[in-house]
Amino acid sequence: MPMTINFTKNDLTLYVYNQLNKQDNCHLETATLIDNRVDRYCRALNTVIKKIDSSTLEPSQKSIDAILLYAKKAKLGV
């Protein structure tokens, strides 16, 4: 009979961010080896993390212009 280990999505998220305690981390690593669903989910989370980490968020020029205009009006007391 196959071994079943249950983890929450929160546990899996903590795992990919290396935030689990050593025992739970070891159990989850084992789970990724014996349960394809757990492995796929962790791989998907890692992909999302890489995309988030590599993304750069910058304000649009329209937003920058609005902020500068607001600051200029505030300086002039308008």
C-alpha atoms as a PDB file:
ATOM      1  CA  MET A   1       0.000   0.000   0.000  1.00  0.00           C
ATOM      2  CA  PRO A   2       1.482   3.386  -1.005  1.00  0.00           C
ATOM      3  CA  MET A   3       2.352   5.879   1.693  1.00  0.00           C
ATOM      4  CA  THR A   4       0.065   8.909   1.785  1.00  0.00           C
ATOM      5  CA  ILE A   5       1.298  12.211   3.125  1.00  0.00           C
ATOM      6  CA  ASN A   6      -1.098  15.145   3.215  1.00  0.00           C
ATOM      7  CA  PHE A   7       0.038  18.740   2.944  1.00  0.00           C
ATOM      8  CA  THR A   8      -1.909  21.960   2.607  1.00  0.00           C
ATOM      9  CA  LYS A   9      -1.204  24.442  -0.177  1.00  0.00           C
ATOM     10  CA  ASN A  10       0.175  26.682   2.554  1.00  0.00           C
ATOM     11  CA  ASP A  11       2.662  23.932   3.511  1.00  0.00           C
ATOM     12  CA  LEU A  12       3.738  23.628  -0.105  1.00  0.00           C
ATOM     13  CA  THR A  13       4.191  27.388  -0.387  1.00  0.00           C
ATOM     14  CA  LEU A  14       6.286  27.417   2.784  1.00  0.00           C
ATOM     15  CA  TYR A  15       8.318  24.557   1.348  1.00  0.00           C
ATOM     16  CA  VAL A  16       9.214  26.348  -1.889  1.00  0.00           C
ATOM     17  CA  TYR A  17      10.188  29.433   0.150  1.00  0.00           C
ATOM     18  CA  ASN A  18      12.323  27.235   2.477  1.00  0.00           C
ATOM     19  CA  GLN A  19      10.217  28.196   5.491  1.00  0.00           C
ATOM     20  CA  LEU A  20       9.279  24.740   6.809  1.00  0.00           C
ATOM     21  CA  ASN A  21      10.919  23.189   9.842  1.00  0.00           C
ATOM     22  CA  LYS A  22      13.465  20.448   9.092  1.00  0.00           C
ATOM     23  CA  GLN A  23      11.113  17.539   9.787  1.00  0.00           C
ATOM     24  CA  ASP A  24       8.260  18.838   7.628  1.00  0.00           C
ATOM     25  CA  ASN A  25      10.736  19.818   4.919  1.00  0.00           C
ATOM     26  CA  CYS A  26      12.093  16.265   4.866  1.00  0.00           C
ATOM     27  CA  HIS A  27       8.570  14.813   4.673  1.00  0.00           C
ATOM     28  CA  LEU A  28       7.637  17.135   1.850  1.00  0.00           C
ATOM     29  CA  GLU A  29      10.791  16.327  -0.098  1.00  0.00           C
ATOM     30  CA  THR A  30       9.834  12.673   0.221  1.00  0.00           C
ATOM     31  CA  ALA A  31       6.312  13.499  -0.942  1.00  0.00           C
ATOM     32  CA  THR A  32       7.665  15.170  -4.090  1.00  0.00           C
ATOM     33  CA  LEU A  33       9.456  11.938  -4.912  1.00  0.00           C
ATOM     34  CA  ILE A  34       6.462   9.639  -4.438  1.00  0.00           C
ATOM     35  CA  ASP A  35       3.505  11.845  -5.411  1.00  0.00           C
ATOM     36  CA  ASN A  36       3.538  13.413  -8.876  1.00  0.00           C
ATOM     37  CA  ARG A  37       0.786  15.873  -7.914  1.00  0.00           C
ATOM     38  CA  VAL A  38       2.858  17.297  -5.075  1.00  0.00           C
ATOM     39  CA  ASP A  39       5.925  17.494  -7.314  1.00  0.00           C
ATOM     40  CA  ARG A  40       4.001  19.242 -10.115  1.00  0.00           C
ATOM     41  CA  TYR A  41       2.447  21.726  -7.691  1.00  0.00           C
ATOM     42  CA  CYS A  42       5.846  22.585  -6.180  1.00  0.00           C
ATOM     43  CA  ARG A  43       7.352  22.988  -9.645  1.00  0.00           C
ATOM     44  CA  ALA A  44       4.482  25.281 -10.630  1.00  0.00           C
ATOM     45  CA  LEU A  45       4.995  27.368  -7.495  1.00  0.00           C
ATOM     46  CA  ASN A  46       8.713  27.628  -8.247  1.00  0.00           C
ATOM     47  CA  THR A  47       7.900  28.822 -11.769  1.00  0.00           C
ATOM     48  CA  VAL A  48       5.567  31.494 -10.396  1.00  0.00           C
ATOM     49  CA  ILE A  49       8.183  32.607  -7.863  1.00  0.00           C
ATOM     50  CA  LYS A  50      10.818  32.941 -10.599  1.00  0.00           C
ATOM     51  CA  LYS A  51       8.446  35.004 -12.732  1.00  0.00           C
ATOM     52  CA  ILE A  52       7.584  37.270  -9.816  1.00  0.00           C
ATOM     53  CA  ASP A  53      11.243  37.702  -8.895  1.00  0.00           C
ATOM     54  CA  SER A  54      12.244  38.511 -12.475  1.00  0.00           C
ATOM     55  CA  SER A  55       9.434  40.958 -13.134  1.00  0.00           C
ATOM     56  CA  THR A  56      10.037  44.652 -12.854  1.00  0.00           C
ATOM     57  CA  LEU A  57       7.197  46.924 -12.009  1.00  0.00           C
ATOM     58  CA  GLU A  58       7.448  50.511 -13.077  1.00  0.00           C
ATOM     59  CA  PRO A  59       4.827  53.241 -13.119  1.00  0.00           C
ATOM     60  CA  SER A  60       3.538  54.396 -16.470  1.00  0.00           C
ATOM     61  CA  GLN A  61       4.628  57.762 -17.803  1.00  0.00           C
ATOM     62  CA  LYS A  62       1.049  58.980 -17.296  1.00  0.00           C
ATOM     63  CA  SER A  63       1.289  58.154 -13.579  1.00  0.00           C
ATOM     64  CA  ILE A  64       4.665  59.866 -13.264  1.00  0.00           C
ATOM     65  CA  ASP A  65       3.325  62.983 -14.994  1.00  0.00           C
ATOM     66  CA  ALA A  66       0.285  63.061 -12.684  1.00  0.00           C
ATOM     67  CA  ILE A  67       2.495  62.797  -9.591  1.00  0.00           C
ATOM     68  CA  LEU A  68       4.812  65.546 -10.825  1.00  0.00           C
ATOM     69  CA  LEU A  69       1.868  67.800 -11.634  1.00  0.00           C
ATOM     70  CA  TYR A  70       0.368  67.169  -8.194  1.00  0.00           C
ATOM     71  CA  ALA A  71       3.717  67.935  -6.524  1.00  0.00           C
ATOM     72  CA  LYS A  72       4.109  71.130  -8.572  1.00  0.00           C
ATOM     73  CA  LYS A  73       0.592  72.297  -7.637  1.00  0.00           C
ATOM     74  CA  ALA A  74       1.206  71.468  -3.977  1.00  0.00           C
ATOM     75  CA  LYS A  75       4.458  73.455  -4.028  1.00  0.00           C
ATOM     76  CA  LEU A  76       2.675  76.453  -5.554  1.00  0.00           C
ATOM     77  CA  GLY A  77      -0.234  76.076  -3.125  1.00  0.00           C
ATOM     78  CA  VAL A  78      -2.760  75.706  -5.928  1.00  0.00           C
END
